C-alpha atoms as a PDB file:
ATOM      1  CA  UNK A   1      73.444  14.167  -0.357  1.00  0.00           C
ATOM      2  CA  UNK A   2      73.385  10.625   0.888  1.00  0.00           C
ATOM      3  CA  UNK A   3      73.718   7.880  -1.584  1.00  0.00           C
ATOM      4  CA  UNK A   4      70.453   6.313  -2.712  1.00  0.00           C
ATOM      5  CA  UNK A   5      68.266   8.910  -0.980  1.00  0.00           C
ATOM      6  CA  UNK A   6      66.302  11.238  -3.209  1.00  0.00           C
ATOM      7  CA  UNK A   7      65.003  14.380  -1.618  1.00  0.00           C
ATOM      8  CA  UNK A   8      62.048  16.002  -3.318  1.00  0.00           C
ATOM      9  CA  UNK A   9      62.235  19.641  -4.262  1.00  0.00           C
ATOM     10  CA  UNK A  10      59.968  21.085  -1.571  1.00  0.00           C
ATOM     11  CA  UNK A  11      59.228  24.754  -1.112  1.00  0.00           C
ATOM     12  CA  UNK A  12      59.271  25.239   2.659  1.00  0.00           C
ATOM     13  CA  UNK A  13      57.689  28.684   2.366  1.00  0.00           C
ATOM     14  CA  UNK A  14      54.337  27.113   1.394  1.00  0.00           C
ATOM     15  CA  UNK A  15      52.018  26.406   4.330  1.00  0.00           C
ATOM     16  CA  UNK A  16      51.458  22.769   5.105  1.00  0.00           C
ATOM     17  CA  UNK A  17      48.080  21.118   4.586  1.00  0.00           C
ATOM     18  CA  UNK A  18      47.598  20.891   8.328  1.00  0.00           C
ATOM     19  CA  UNK A  19      47.651  24.659   8.661  1.00  0.00           C
ATOM     20  CA  UNK A  20      44.402  24.986   6.730  1.00  0.00           C
ATOM     21  CA  UNK A  21      41.132  24.897   8.609  1.00  0.00           C
ATOM     22  CA  UNK A  22      38.624  22.185   7.899  1.00  0.00           C
ATOM     23  CA  UNK A  23      35.796  23.644   5.798  1.00  0.00           C
ATOM     24  CA  UNK A  24      33.117  22.865   8.394  1.00  0.00           C
ATOM     25  CA  UNK A  25      35.078  24.814  11.012  1.00  0.00           C
ATOM     26  CA  UNK A  26      34.401  28.078   9.207  1.00  0.00           C
ATOM     27  CA  UNK A  27      30.925  29.611   9.788  1.00  0.00           C
ATOM     28  CA  UNK A  28      30.872  31.077   6.268  1.00  0.00           C
ATOM     29  CA  UNK A  29      31.017  27.550   4.812  1.00  0.00           C
ATOM     30  CA  UNK A  30      28.766  25.857   7.335  1.00  0.00           C
ATOM     31  CA  UNK A  31      25.261  27.243   7.935  1.00  0.00           C
ATOM     32  CA  UNK A  32      24.933  24.747  10.799  1.00  0.00           C
ATOM     33  CA  UNK A  33      28.100  25.882  12.552  1.00  0.00           C
ATOM     34  CA  UNK A  34      26.306  26.771  15.796  1.00  0.00           C
ATOM     35  CA  UNK A  35      24.433  23.460  15.868  1.00  0.00           C
ATOM     36  CA  UNK A  36      27.682  21.592  15.229  1.00  0.00           C
ATOM     37  CA  UNK A  37      29.473  23.504  17.984  1.00  0.00           C
ATOM     38  CA  UNK A  38      26.664  22.846  20.479  1.00  0.00           C
ATOM     39  CA  UNK A  39      26.684  19.136  19.626  1.00  0.00           C
ATOM     40  CA  UNK A  40      30.449  18.879  20.053  1.00  0.00           C
ATOM     41  CA  UNK A  41      30.343  20.856  23.288  1.00  0.00           C
ATOM     42  CA  UNK A  42      27.655  18.527  24.645  1.00  0.00           C
ATOM     43  CA  UNK A  43      29.704  15.469  23.704  1.00  0.00           C
ATOM     44  CA  UNK A  44      32.773  16.940  25.357  1.00  0.00           C
ATOM     45  CA  UNK A  45      30.834  17.838  28.507  1.00  0.00           C
ATOM     46  CA  UNK A  46      29.218  14.383  28.738  1.00  0.00           C
ATOM     47  CA  UNK A  47      32.403  12.398  28.101  1.00  0.00           C
ATOM     48  CA  UNK A  48      31.285  11.531  24.548  1.00  0.00           C
ATOM     49  CA  UNK A  49      28.098   9.789  25.626  1.00  0.00           C
ATOM     50  CA  UNK A  50      26.031   9.996  22.438  1.00  0.00           C
ATOM     51  CA  UNK A  51      22.792   9.132  24.198  1.00  0.00           C
ATOM     52  CA  UNK A  52      23.116  12.194  26.429  1.00  0.00           C
ATOM     53  CA  UNK A  53      23.536  14.441  23.375  1.00  0.00           C
ATOM     54  CA  UNK A  54      20.967  12.835  21.093  1.00  0.00           C
ATOM     55  CA  UNK A  55      18.840  15.994  20.767  1.00  0.00           C
ATOM     56  CA  UNK A  56      21.823  18.168  19.852  1.00  0.00           C
ATOM     57  CA  UNK A  57      22.946  15.667  17.235  1.00  0.00           C
ATOM     58  CA  UNK A  58      19.437  15.325  15.816  1.00  0.00           C
ATOM     59  CA  UNK A  59      19.148  19.108  15.574  1.00  0.00           C
ATOM     60  CA  UNK A  60      22.456  19.251  13.685  1.00  0.00           C
ATOM     61  CA  UNK A  61      21.332  16.498  11.287  1.00  0.00           C
ATOM     62  CA  UNK A  62      18.052  18.305  10.584  1.00  0.00           C
ATOM     63  CA  UNK A  63      19.932  21.538   9.938  1.00  0.00           C
ATOM     64  CA  UNK A  64      22.291  19.806   7.488  1.00  0.00           C
ATOM     65  CA  UNK A  65      19.385  18.143   5.669  1.00  0.00           C
ATOM     66  CA  UNK A  66      17.584  21.489   5.368  1.00  0.00           C
ATOM     67  CA  UNK A  67      20.570  23.356   3.922  1.00  0.00           C
ATOM     68  CA  UNK A  68      21.499  20.442   1.639  1.00  0.00           C
ATOM     69  CA  UNK A  69      17.996  20.548   0.136  1.00  0.00           C
ATOM     70  CA  UNK A  70      18.194  24.327  -0.208  1.00  0.00           C
ATOM     71  CA  UNK A  71      21.574  24.068  -1.965  1.00  0.00           C
ATOM     72  CA  UNK A  72      20.258  21.390  -4.353  1.00  0.00           C
ATOM     73  CA  UNK A  73      17.176  23.493  -5.146  1.00  0.00           C
ATOM     74  CA  UNK A  74      19.250  26.615  -5.768  1.00  0.00           C
ATOM     75  CA  UNK A  75      21.626  24.646  -8.001  1.00  0.00           C
ATOM     76  CA  UNK A  76      18.727  23.272 -10.028  1.00  0.00           C
ATOM     77  CA  UNK A  77      17.517  26.857 -10.541  1.00  0.00           C
ATOM     78  CA  UNK A  78      21.051  27.970 -11.512  1.00  0.00           C
ATOM     79  CA  UNK A  79      21.374  30.291  -8.510  1.00  0.00           C
ATOM     80  CA  UNK A  80      24.942  30.927  -7.471  1.00  0.00           C
ATOM     81  CA  UNK A  81      26.264  30.202  -4.920  1.00  0.00           C
ATOM     82  CA  UNK A  82      24.116  27.181  -4.037  1.00  0.00           C
ATOM     83  CA  UNK A  83      24.742  27.822  -0.366  1.00  0.00           C
ATOM     84  CA  UNK A  84      23.976  31.492   0.281  1.00  0.00           C
ATOM     85  CA  UNK A  85      26.450  33.677   2.182  1.00  0.00           C
ATOM     86  CA  UNK A  86      25.726  34.272   5.889  1.00  0.00           C
ATOM     87  CA  UNK A  87      24.204  37.733   5.342  1.00  0.00           C
ATOM     88  CA  UNK A  88      21.552  36.282   2.972  1.00  0.00           C
ATOM     89  CA  UNK A  89      20.661  33.113   4.886  1.00  0.00           C
ATOM     90  CA  UNK A  90      17.755  34.577   6.860  1.00  0.00           C
ATOM     91  CA  UNK A  91      15.971  35.778   3.727  1.00  0.00           C
ATOM     92  CA  UNK A  92      16.664  32.475   1.947  1.00  0.00           C
ATOM     93  CA  UNK A  93      15.440  30.528   4.989  1.00  0.00           C
ATOM     94  CA  UNK A  94      12.113  32.387   4.736  1.00  0.00           C
ATOM     95  CA  UNK A  95      11.643  30.998   1.195  1.00  0.00           C
ATOM     96  CA  UNK A  96      11.609  27.369   2.405  1.00  0.00           C
ATOM     97  CA  UNK A  97       9.553  25.325   4.861  1.00  0.00           C
ATOM     98  CA  UNK A  98      11.128  23.261   7.644  1.00  0.00           C
ATOM     99  CA  UNK A  99      11.579  20.281   5.316  1.00  0.00           C
ATOM    100  CA  UNK A 100      13.639  22.334   2.870  1.00  0.00           C
ATOM    101  CA  UNK A 101      10.867  22.509   0.286  1.00  0.00           C
ATOM    102  CA  UNK A 102      10.539  25.830  -1.515  1.00  0.00           C
ATOM    103  CA  UNK A 103       7.419  27.846  -0.689  1.00  0.00           C
ATOM    104  CA  UNK A 104       5.905  29.080  -3.933  1.00  0.00           C
ATOM    105  CA  UNK A 105       4.403  32.520  -3.465  1.00  0.00           C
ATOM    106  CA  UNK A 106       1.873  33.895  -5.810  1.00  0.00           C
END
């Protein structure tokens, strides 16, 4: 070992941080995955002209706001997980209006 150089004890068998996917890149974690993908595809196609993709971006923002409100409501009612898994999202979506407010039946 060179003088004055300390080498940390690193386990090279562990995957690096870069090998992990970003959470939003996984459809199970992101209920707005399709909206995000369409927005990014539009930006790529239009050379990242945001004005040309305004509707796609607005749709993605509305989707995120909706699911954020749903997750907050489910958390306040102690429902786990706050963001439902993909196979339950359609039934959960039917319980809320477009603004993310819960529809009280009864």
